[in-house]
Amino acid sequence: MNSTYRILTIFGLITVLTGFSEAVHAQQPIRVVQEASSEELTAVELYNRGVDKLEQGDYAGAISDFGDALQLEPEDADTYYNRGYAYHSLGNYDAAIYDYTQAIKLNPDFSQAHSNRGYTHFVRRDYQKAIADFTKAIEINPENDTAYISRGNVYDELGNSEAALDDYAKALEINPDNARLYYNRGLTRNRLEQYEDAIADYTKSIELQPTFAEAYYNRGLTQFQLENIEAATADLQKAAELFKEQGRLDSHQSVVNALQAMQGEANP
């Protein structure tokens, strides 16, 4: 197109991965029968305290509590799963994979554990292992939209855009109100140069999540690609505003730089 677009592409599309299943819900002490030993009760209490710390973002504290719970109840798949979740959140992927694997050994039909182990493999760029885990998660639970999304992300990373779009479509059948799913499909359509379809997906994601700064940013870049300068400027300005409000200053500066490049080209 022109030099402005070449400048803007330096900043690139902002990507979002949506492959992380949430921690499992806390176990209620009521599940421990009245005649259970104090150790079993303590394991449940430690587990629940660990879940509370996960929700608070205290991942190190959660790992400690889950570890203590496993000392008392070493065959609890949920505890391994949640500790794996905490390890992943801290970037300790080897430990996360170990814990997810232990959870799967204890509960082979643990769809979320397969899905999260697959996501950890994806982060480590071990794509074939990631696909295998996501496929197993889907086999166990065909309604696992997270696994479809994540496998779609892997296919997209590998350049298999059509397979990615197929998985995103299946995920949308399960969960049609997932803003980030529309966003990810928009990224794939952008790479296929299906710009109008990409804009439609970004727009839908914004309708579902009005504070989705990345969607505004990428819709703005796509509008620019189509030479819709006014719409591109409005979207980039909105993205900059949202990034600033959310305290994401590096992203905010990237959008400001993109706006300045576009305005400089428009007003030489």
C-alpha atoms as a PDB file:
ATOM      1  CA  MET A   1       0.000   0.000   0.000  1.00  0.00           C
ATOM      2  CA  ASN A   2       2.183   2.898   1.213  1.00  0.00           C
ATOM      3  CA  SER A   3       5.030   3.498   3.619  1.00  0.00           C
ATOM      4  CA  THR A   4       2.658   4.169   6.537  1.00  0.00           C
ATOM      5  CA  TYR A   5       1.296   0.659   6.427  1.00  0.00           C
ATOM      6  CA  ARG A   6       4.819  -0.721   6.356  1.00  0.00           C
ATOM      7  CA  ILE A   7       5.584   1.332   9.458  1.00  0.00           C
ATOM      8  CA  LEU A   8       2.441   0.158  11.211  1.00  0.00           C
ATOM      9  CA  THR A   9       3.161  -3.483  10.531  1.00  0.00           C
ATOM     10  CA  ILE A  10       6.307  -3.174  12.605  1.00  0.00           C
ATOM     11  CA  PHE A  11       4.009  -3.061  15.618  1.00  0.00           C
ATOM     12  CA  GLY A  12       2.056  -6.034  14.292  1.00  0.00           C
ATOM     13  CA  LEU A  13      -1.156  -7.649  15.358  1.00  0.00           C
ATOM     14  CA  ILE A  14      -1.567  -8.180  19.084  1.00  0.00           C
ATOM     15  CA  THR A  15      -2.396 -11.799  19.734  1.00  0.00           C
ATOM     16  CA  VAL A  16      -4.373 -13.365  22.545  1.00  0.00           C
ATOM     17  CA  LEU A  17      -4.233 -17.027  23.503  1.00  0.00           C
ATOM     18  CA  THR A  18      -7.235 -18.475  25.235  1.00  0.00           C
ATOM     19  CA  GLY A  19      -6.178 -21.970  26.053  1.00  0.00           C
ATOM     20  CA  PHE A  20      -5.983 -22.004  29.837  1.00  0.00           C
ATOM     21  CA  SER A  21      -8.799 -23.776  31.700  1.00  0.00           C
ATOM     22  CA  GLU A  22      -9.625 -22.340  35.101  1.00  0.00           C
ATOM     23  CA  ALA A  23      -8.734 -23.954  38.387  1.00  0.00           C
ATOM     24  CA  VAL A  24     -11.225 -26.507  39.588  1.00  0.00           C
ATOM     25  CA  HIS A  25     -13.695 -25.439  42.245  1.00  0.00           C
ATOM     26  CA  ALA A  26     -12.826 -25.793  45.878  1.00  0.00           C
ATOM     27  CA  GLN A  27     -13.636 -29.073  47.547  1.00  0.00           C
ATOM     28  CA  GLN A  28     -16.194 -28.709  50.308  1.00  0.00           C
ATOM     29  CA  PRO A  29     -15.317 -30.174  53.716  1.00  0.00           C
ATOM     30  CA  ILE A  30     -18.749 -31.793  53.687  1.00  0.00           C
ATOM     31  CA  ARG A  31     -17.341 -34.373  51.266  1.00  0.00           C
ATOM     32  CA  VAL A  32     -15.312 -35.825  54.147  1.00  0.00           C
ATOM     33  CA  VAL A  33     -17.450 -38.379  56.014  1.00  0.00           C
ATOM     34  CA  GLN A  34     -17.939 -37.903  59.712  1.00  0.00           C
ATOM     35  CA  GLU A  35     -15.675 -40.753  60.697  1.00  0.00           C
ATOM     36  CA  ALA A  36     -12.798 -39.526  58.523  1.00  0.00           C
ATOM     37  CA  SER A  37      -9.459 -38.921  60.160  1.00  0.00           C
ATOM     38  CA  SER A  38      -8.236 -35.462  61.036  1.00  0.00           C
ATOM     39  CA  GLU A  39      -5.525 -35.814  58.369  1.00  0.00           C
ATOM     40  CA  GLU A  40      -8.127 -36.162  55.591  1.00  0.00           C
ATOM     41  CA  LEU A  41      -9.985 -33.108  56.862  1.00  0.00           C
ATOM     42  CA  THR A  42      -6.746 -31.158  57.013  1.00  0.00           C
ATOM     43  CA  ALA A  43      -5.972 -32.110  53.400  1.00  0.00           C
ATOM     44  CA  VAL A  44      -9.312 -30.674  52.287  1.00  0.00           C
ATOM     45  CA  GLU A  45      -8.785 -27.507  54.297  1.00  0.00           C
ATOM     46  CA  LEU A  46      -5.313 -27.070  52.812  1.00  0.00           C
ATOM     47  CA  TYR A  47      -6.712 -27.671  49.337  1.00  0.00           C
ATOM     48  CA  ASN A  48      -9.446 -25.070  49.800  1.00  0.00           C
ATOM     49  CA  ARG A  49      -6.964 -22.542  51.161  1.00  0.00           C
ATOM     50  CA  GLY A  50      -4.802 -23.195  48.112  1.00  0.00           C
ATOM     51  CA  VAL A  51      -7.763 -22.530  45.816  1.00  0.00           C
ATOM     52  CA  ASP A  52      -8.418 -19.261  47.655  1.00  0.00           C
ATOM     53  CA  LYS A  53      -4.797 -18.243  47.096  1.00  0.00           C
ATOM     54  CA  LEU A  54      -5.064 -19.131  43.403  1.00  0.00           C
ATOM     55  CA  GLU A  55      -8.031 -16.805  43.068  1.00  0.00           C
ATOM     56  CA  GLN A  56      -6.044 -14.066  44.831  1.00  0.00           C
ATOM     57  CA  GLY A  57      -3.049 -14.551  42.535  1.00  0.00           C
ATOM     58  CA  ASP A  58      -0.833 -15.848  45.347  1.00  0.00           C
ATOM     59  CA  TYR A  59       0.567 -18.684  43.258  1.00  0.00           C
ATOM     60  CA  ALA A  60       3.562 -19.436  45.478  1.00  0.00           C
ATOM     61  CA  GLY A  61       1.306 -19.688  48.515  1.00  0.00           C
ATOM     62  CA  ALA A  62      -1.094 -21.921  46.607  1.00  0.00           C
ATOM     63  CA  ILE A  63       1.740 -24.237  45.576  1.00  0.00           C
ATOM     64  CA  SER A  64       2.801 -24.560  49.213  1.00  0.00           C
ATOM     65  CA  ASP A  65      -0.712 -25.424  50.375  1.00  0.00           C
ATOM     66  CA  PHE A  66      -1.312 -27.908  47.575  1.00  0.00           C
ATOM     67  CA  GLY A  67       2.025 -29.548  48.330  1.00  0.00           C
ATOM     68  CA  ASP A  68       1.060 -29.940  51.986  1.00  0.00           C
ATOM     69  CA  ALA A  69      -2.326 -31.332  50.977  1.00  0.00           C
ATOM     70  CA  LEU A  70      -0.633 -33.899  48.730  1.00  0.00           C
ATOM     71  CA  GLN A  71       1.532 -35.039  51.637  1.00  0.00           C
ATOM     72  CA  LEU A  72      -1.701 -36.016  53.391  1.00  0.00           C
ATOM     73  CA  GLU A  73      -3.719 -37.128  50.377  1.00  0.00           C
ATOM     74  CA  PRO A  74      -1.249 -38.040  47.611  1.00  0.00           C
ATOM     75  CA  GLU A  75      -3.775 -39.446  45.145  1.00  0.00           C
ATOM     76  CA  ASP A  76      -5.998 -36.416  44.655  1.00  0.00           C
ATOM     77  CA  ALA A  77      -6.042 -35.486  40.961  1.00  0.00           C
ATOM     78  CA  ASP A  78      -7.620 -32.069  41.589  1.00  0.00           C
ATOM     79  CA  THR A  79      -4.761 -31.032  43.844  1.00  0.00           C
ATOM     80  CA  TYR A  80      -2.139 -31.966  41.267  1.00  0.00           C
ATOM     81  CA  TYR A  81      -4.139 -30.142  38.591  1.00  0.00           C
ATOM     82  CA  ASN A  82      -4.427 -26.938  40.601  1.00  0.00           C
ATOM     83  CA  ARG A  83      -0.778 -26.997  41.614  1.00  0.00           C
ATOM     84  CA  GLY A  84       0.060 -27.423  37.919  1.00  0.00           C
ATOM     85  CA  TYR A  85      -2.100 -24.399  37.184  1.00  0.00           C
ATOM     86  CA  ALA A  86      -0.170 -22.381  39.773  1.00  0.00           C
ATOM     87  CA  TYR A  87       3.209 -23.544  38.438  1.00  0.00           C
ATOM     88  CA  HIS A  88       2.184 -22.596  34.902  1.00  0.00           C
ATOM     89  CA  SER A  89       1.070 -19.158  36.088  1.00  0.00           C
ATOM     90  CA  LEU A  90       4.590 -18.643  37.481  1.00  0.00           C
ATOM     91  CA  GLY A  91       6.216 -19.834  34.254  1.00  0.00           C
ATOM     92  CA  ASN A  92       7.519 -23.099  35.705  1.00  0.00           C
ATOM     93  CA  TYR A  93       6.372 -25.200  32.764  1.00  0.00           C
ATOM     94  CA  ASP A  94       8.314 -28.363  33.609  1.00  0.00           C
ATOM     95  CA  ALA A  95       6.655 -28.544  37.017  1.00  0.00           C
ATOM     96  CA  ALA A  96       3.268 -27.739  35.490  1.00  0.00           C
ATOM     97  CA  ILE A  97       3.554 -30.582  32.974  1.00  0.00           C
ATOM     98  CA  TYR A  98       4.621 -32.977  35.728  1.00  0.00           C
ATOM     99  CA  ASP A  99       1.586 -32.092  37.857  1.00  0.00           C
ATOM    100  CA  TYR A 100      -0.885 -32.249  34.973  1.00  0.00           C
ATOM    101  CA  THR A 101       0.565 -35.641  34.053  1.00  0.00           C
ATOM    102  CA  GLN A 102       0.110 -36.881  37.610  1.00  0.00           C
ATOM    103  CA  ALA A 103      -3.496 -35.642  37.567  1.00  0.00           C
ATOM    104  CA  ILE A 104      -4.094 -37.534  34.310  1.00  0.00           C
ATOM    105  CA  LYS A 105      -2.551 -40.723  35.710  1.00  0.00           C
ATOM    106  CA  LEU A 106      -4.931 -40.522  38.656  1.00  0.00           C
ATOM    107  CA  ASN A 107      -7.909 -39.523  36.496  1.00  0.00           C
ATOM    108  CA  PRO A 108      -7.391 -40.448  32.822  1.00  0.00           C
ATOM    109  CA  ASP A 109     -10.676 -38.765  31.853  1.00  0.00           C
ATOM    110  CA  PHE A 110      -9.660 -35.384  33.309  1.00  0.00           C
ATOM    111  CA  SER A 111     -10.399 -33.279  30.227  1.00  0.00           C
ATOM    112  CA  GLN A 112      -9.219 -30.003  31.788  1.00  0.00           C
ATOM    113  CA  ALA A 113      -5.867 -31.541  32.720  1.00  0.00           C
ATOM    114  CA  HIS A 114      -5.306 -32.717  29.155  1.00  0.00           C
ATOM    115  CA  SER A 115      -6.319 -29.270  27.907  1.00  0.00           C
ATOM    116  CA  ASN A 116      -4.006 -27.366  30.250  1.00  0.00           C
ATOM    117  CA  ARG A 117      -1.083 -29.714  29.662  1.00  0.00           C
ATOM    118  CA  GLY A 118      -1.650 -29.131  25.960  1.00  0.00           C
ATOM    119  CA  TYR A 119      -1.556 -25.389  26.506  1.00  0.00           C
ATOM    120  CA  THR A 120       1.712 -25.718  28.416  1.00  0.00           C
ATOM    121  CA  HIS A 121       3.159 -27.738  25.524  1.00  0.00           C
ATOM    122  CA  PHE A 122       1.943 -24.980  23.192  1.00  0.00           C
ATOM    123  CA  VAL A 123       3.714 -22.281  25.190  1.00  0.00           C
ATOM    124  CA  ARG A 124       6.887 -24.362  24.930  1.00  0.00           C
ATOM    125  CA  ARG A 125       6.310 -24.699  21.159  1.00  0.00           C
ATOM    126  CA  ASP A 126       5.957 -28.472  21.391  1.00  0.00           C
ATOM    127  CA  TYR A 127       3.079 -28.325  18.939  1.00  0.00           C
ATOM    128  CA  GLN A 128       2.492 -31.998  18.189  1.00  0.00           C
ATOM    129  CA  LYS A 129       2.216 -32.871  21.881  1.00  0.00           C
ATOM    130  CA  ALA A 130      -0.127 -29.915  22.298  1.00  0.00           C
ATOM    131  CA  ILE A 131      -2.390 -31.123  19.478  1.00  0.00           C
ATOM    132  CA  ALA A 132      -2.427 -34.641  20.951  1.00  0.00           C
ATOM    133  CA  ASP A 133      -3.510 -33.329  24.363  1.00  0.00           C
ATOM    134  CA  PHE A 134      -6.197 -31.032  22.964  1.00  0.00           C
ATOM    135  CA  THR A 135      -7.533 -33.827  20.783  1.00  0.00           C
ATOM    136  CA  LYS A 136      -7.721 -36.142  23.810  1.00  0.00           C
ATOM    137  CA  ALA A 137      -9.490 -33.441  25.828  1.00  0.00           C
ATOM    138  CA  ILE A 138     -12.079 -33.106  23.055  1.00  0.00           C
ATOM    139  CA  GLU A 139     -12.475 -36.886  22.838  1.00  0.00           C
ATOM    140  CA  ILE A 140     -13.222 -37.009  26.575  1.00  0.00           C
ATOM    141  CA  ASN A 141     -15.489 -33.966  26.527  1.00  0.00           C
ATOM    142  CA  PRO A 142     -16.789 -32.877  23.106  1.00  0.00           C
ATOM    143  CA  GLU A 143     -18.201 -29.734  24.769  1.00  0.00           C
ATOM    144  CA  ASN A 144     -14.734 -28.506  25.808  1.00  0.00           C
ATOM    145  CA  ASP A 145     -14.671 -25.292  23.807  1.00  0.00           C
ATOM    146  CA  THR A 146     -11.332 -24.290  25.369  1.00  0.00           C
ATOM    147  CA  ALA A 147      -9.668 -27.332  23.823  1.00  0.00           C
ATOM    148  CA  TYR A 148     -11.090 -26.502  20.380  1.00  0.00           C
ATOM    149  CA  ILE A 149      -9.883 -22.906  20.692  1.00  0.00           C
ATOM    150  CA  SER A 150      -6.433 -23.992  21.818  1.00  0.00           C
ATOM    151  CA  ARG A 151      -6.050 -26.596  19.097  1.00  0.00           C
ATOM    152  CA  GLY A 152      -7.144 -23.949  16.618  1.00  0.00           C
ATOM    153  CA  ASN A 153      -4.409 -21.670  17.937  1.00  0.00           C
ATOM    154  CA  VAL A 154      -1.822 -24.401  17.382  1.00  0.00           C
ATOM    155  CA  TYR A 155      -3.023 -25.052  13.843  1.00  0.00           C
ATOM    156  CA  ASP A 156      -2.893 -21.317  13.148  1.00  0.00           C
ATOM    157  CA  GLU A 157       0.650 -21.131  14.517  1.00  0.00           C
ATOM    158  CA  LEU A 158       1.602 -23.997  12.196  1.00  0.00           C
ATOM    159  CA  GLY A 159       0.103 -22.187   9.203  1.00  0.00           C
ATOM    160  CA  ASN A 160      -2.864 -24.555   8.865  1.00  0.00           C
ATOM    161  CA  SER A 161      -5.410 -21.761   8.796  1.00  0.00           C
ATOM    162  CA  GLU A 162      -8.293 -23.844   7.473  1.00  0.00           C
ATOM    163  CA  ALA A 163      -7.965 -26.361  10.316  1.00  0.00           C
ATOM    164  CA  ALA A 164      -7.801 -23.428  12.743  1.00  0.00           C
ATOM    165  CA  LEU A 165     -10.995 -21.940  11.341  1.00  0.00           C
ATOM    166  CA  ASP A 166     -12.728 -25.319  11.590  1.00  0.00           C
ATOM    167  CA  ASP A 167     -11.837 -25.586  15.285  1.00  0.00           C
ATOM    168  CA  TYR A 168     -12.911 -22.015  15.985  1.00  0.00           C
ATOM    169  CA  ALA A 169     -16.239 -22.725  14.278  1.00  0.00           C
ATOM    170  CA  LYS A 170     -16.794 -25.788  16.461  1.00  0.00           C
ATOM    171  CA  ALA A 171     -15.921 -23.788  19.568  1.00  0.00           C
ATOM    172  CA  LEU A 172     -18.423 -21.100  18.574  1.00  0.00           C
ATOM    173  CA  GLU A 173     -21.149 -23.731  18.269  1.00  0.00           C
ATOM    174  CA  ILE A 174     -20.466 -24.617  21.905  1.00  0.00           C
ATOM    175  CA  ASN A 175     -19.931 -21.081  23.203  1.00  0.00           C
ATOM    176  CA  PRO A 176     -21.193 -18.379  20.825  1.00  0.00           C
ATOM    177  CA  ASP A 177     -20.573 -15.570  23.343  1.00  0.00           C
ATOM    178  CA  ASN A 178     -16.796 -15.923  23.658  1.00  0.00           C
ATOM    179  CA  ALA A 179     -15.293 -12.549  22.730  1.00  0.00           C
ATOM    180  CA  ARG A 180     -11.726 -13.782  22.511  1.00  0.00           C
ATOM    181  CA  LEU A 181     -12.747 -16.611  20.240  1.00  0.00           C
ATOM    182  CA  TYR A 182     -14.107 -14.166  17.675  1.00  0.00           C
ATOM    183  CA  TYR A 183     -10.937 -12.170  18.153  1.00  0.00           C
ATOM    184  CA  ASN A 184      -8.684 -15.170  17.475  1.00  0.00           C
ATOM    185  CA  ARG A 185     -10.681 -16.060  14.387  1.00  0.00           C
ATOM    186  CA  GLY A 186     -10.256 -12.470  13.251  1.00  0.00           C
ATOM    187  CA  LEU A 187      -6.485 -12.863  13.517  1.00  0.00           C
ATOM    188  CA  THR A 188      -6.579 -15.976  11.357  1.00  0.00           C
ATOM    189  CA  ARG A 189      -8.795 -14.289   8.782  1.00  0.00           C
ATOM    190  CA  ASN A 190      -6.420 -11.344   8.761  1.00  0.00           C
ATOM    191  CA  ARG A 191      -3.540 -13.632   7.906  1.00  0.00           C
ATOM    192  CA  LEU A 192      -5.636 -15.081   5.081  1.00  0.00           C
ATOM    193  CA  GLU A 193      -6.240 -11.497   3.872  1.00  0.00           C
ATOM    194  CA  GLN A 194      -9.969 -11.916   4.508  1.00  0.00           C
ATOM    195  CA  TYR A 195     -10.071  -8.385   5.837  1.00  0.00           C
ATOM    196  CA  GLU A 196     -13.808  -7.734   5.821  1.00  0.00           C
ATOM    197  CA  ASP A 197     -14.452 -11.007   7.648  1.00  0.00           C
ATOM    198  CA  ALA A 198     -11.695 -10.161  10.131  1.00  0.00           C
ATOM    199  CA  ILE A 199     -13.287  -6.786  10.833  1.00  0.00           C
ATOM    200  CA  ALA A 200     -16.641  -8.502  11.405  1.00  0.00           C
ATOM    201  CA  ASP A 201     -15.028 -10.821  13.967  1.00  0.00           C
ATOM    202  CA  TYR A 202     -13.246  -7.992  15.779  1.00  0.00           C
ATOM    203  CA  THR A 203     -16.514  -6.056  15.842  1.00  0.00           C
ATOM    204  CA  LYS A 204     -18.363  -9.010  17.360  1.00  0.00           C
ATOM    205  CA  SER A 205     -15.680  -9.434  20.007  1.00  0.00           C
ATOM    206  CA  ILE A 206     -16.025  -5.732  20.896  1.00  0.00           C
ATOM    207  CA  GLU A 207     -19.807  -6.081  21.149  1.00  0.00           C
ATOM    208  CA  LEU A 208     -19.327  -8.907  23.625  1.00  0.00           C
ATOM    209  CA  GLN A 209     -16.439  -7.241  25.504  1.00  0.00           C
ATOM    210  CA  PRO A 210     -16.464  -3.443  25.039  1.00  0.00           C
ATOM    211  CA  THR A 211     -13.148  -2.973  26.869  1.00  0.00           C
ATOM    212  CA  PHE A 212     -11.258  -5.377  24.570  1.00  0.00           C
ATOM    213  CA  ALA A 213      -8.373  -3.079  23.637  1.00  0.00           C
ATOM    214  CA  GLU A 214      -6.603  -5.611  21.390  1.00  0.00           C
ATOM    215  CA  ALA A 215      -9.727  -5.992  19.272  1.00  0.00           C
ATOM    216  CA  TYR A 216      -9.909  -2.229  18.698  1.00  0.00           C
ATOM    217  CA  TYR A 217      -6.207  -2.131  17.873  1.00  0.00           C
ATOM    218  CA  ASN A 218      -6.302  -4.950  15.349  1.00  0.00           C
ATOM    219  CA  ARG A 219      -9.540  -3.737  13.822  1.00  0.00           C
ATOM    220  CA  GLY A 220      -7.845  -0.383  13.390  1.00  0.00           C
ATOM    221  CA  LEU A 221      -4.874  -1.939  11.590  1.00  0.00           C
ATOM    222  CA  THR A 222      -7.231  -3.890   9.364  1.00  0.00           C
ATOM    223  CA  GLN A 223      -9.248  -0.777   8.578  1.00  0.00           C
ATOM    224  CA  PHE A 224      -5.990   0.889   7.621  1.00  0.00           C
ATOM    225  CA  GLN A 225      -5.170  -2.012   5.327  1.00  0.00           C
ATOM    226  CA  LEU A 226      -8.477  -1.287   3.546  1.00  0.00           C
ATOM    227  CA  GLU A 227      -7.595   2.439   3.434  1.00  0.00           C
ATOM    228  CA  ASN A 228     -10.429   3.336   5.825  1.00  0.00           C
ATOM    229  CA  ILE A 229      -8.262   5.960   7.509  1.00  0.00           C
ATOM    230  CA  GLU A 230     -10.957   7.647   9.594  1.00  0.00           C
ATOM    231  CA  ALA A 231     -12.204   4.338  11.008  1.00  0.00           C
ATOM    232  CA  ALA A 232      -8.632   3.161  11.579  1.00  0.00           C
ATOM    233  CA  THR A 233      -7.788   6.331  13.516  1.00  0.00           C
ATOM    234  CA  ALA A 234     -10.909   6.032  15.690  1.00  0.00           C
ATOM    235  CA  ASP A 235     -10.139   2.413  16.548  1.00  0.00           C
ATOM    236  CA  LEU A 236      -6.495   3.080  17.363  1.00  0.00           C
ATOM    237  CA  GLN A 237      -7.431   6.046  19.541  1.00  0.00           C
ATOM    238  CA  LYS A 238      -9.935   3.888  21.432  1.00  0.00           C
ATOM    239  CA  ALA A 239      -7.319   1.143  21.842  1.00  0.00           C
ATOM    240  CA  ALA A 240      -4.814   3.650  23.240  1.00  0.00           C
ATOM    241  CA  GLU A 241      -7.417   4.964  25.682  1.00  0.00           C
ATOM    242  CA  LEU A 242      -8.298   1.463  26.914  1.00  0.00           C
ATOM    243  CA  PHE A 243      -4.703   0.319  27.250  1.00  0.00           C
ATOM    244  CA  LYS A 244      -3.931   3.402  29.329  1.00  0.00           C
ATOM    245  CA  GLU A 245      -6.983   2.887  31.551  1.00  0.00           C
ATOM    246  CA  GLN A 246      -5.949  -0.741  32.074  1.00  0.00           C
ATOM    247  CA  GLY A 247      -2.389   0.246  33.043  1.00  0.00           C
ATOM    248  CA  ARG A 248      -0.857  -1.558  30.063  1.00  0.00           C
ATOM    249  CA  LEU A 249       1.576   1.169  29.224  1.00  0.00           C
ATOM    250  CA  ASP A 250       3.796  -0.699  26.742  1.00  0.00           C
ATOM    251  CA  SER A 251       0.785  -1.542  24.593  1.00  0.00           C
ATOM    252  CA  HIS A 252      -0.491   2.008  24.985  1.00  0.00           C
ATOM    253  CA  GLN A 253       2.811   3.372  23.678  1.00  0.00           C
ATOM    254  CA  SER A 254       2.772   0.985  20.705  1.00  0.00           C
ATOM    255  CA  VAL A 255      -0.628   2.296  19.670  1.00  0.00           C
ATOM    256  CA  VAL A 256       0.470   5.912  20.147  1.00  0.00           C
ATOM    257  CA  ASN A 257       3.484   5.226  17.921  1.00  0.00           C
ATOM    258  CA  ALA A 258       1.235   3.700  15.267  1.00  0.00           C
ATOM    259  CA  LEU A 259      -1.084   6.707  15.376  1.00  0.00           C
ATOM    260  CA  GLN A 260       1.814   9.135  15.071  1.00  0.00           C
ATOM    261  CA  ALA A 261       3.189   7.233  12.083  1.00  0.00           C
ATOM    262  CA  MET A 262      -0.178   7.287  10.361  1.00  0.00           C
ATOM    263  CA  GLN A 263      -0.786  10.964  11.091  1.00  0.00           C
ATOM    264  CA  GLY A 264       2.723  11.882   9.968  1.00  0.00           C
ATOM    265  CA  GLU A 265       2.157  10.184   6.651  1.00  0.00           C
ATOM    266  CA  ALA A 266      -1.238  11.842   6.235  1.00  0.00           C
ATOM    267  CA  ASN A 267       0.198  15.299   7.022  1.00  0.00           C
ATOM    268  CA  PRO A 268       3.772  15.393   5.621  1.00  0.00           C
END
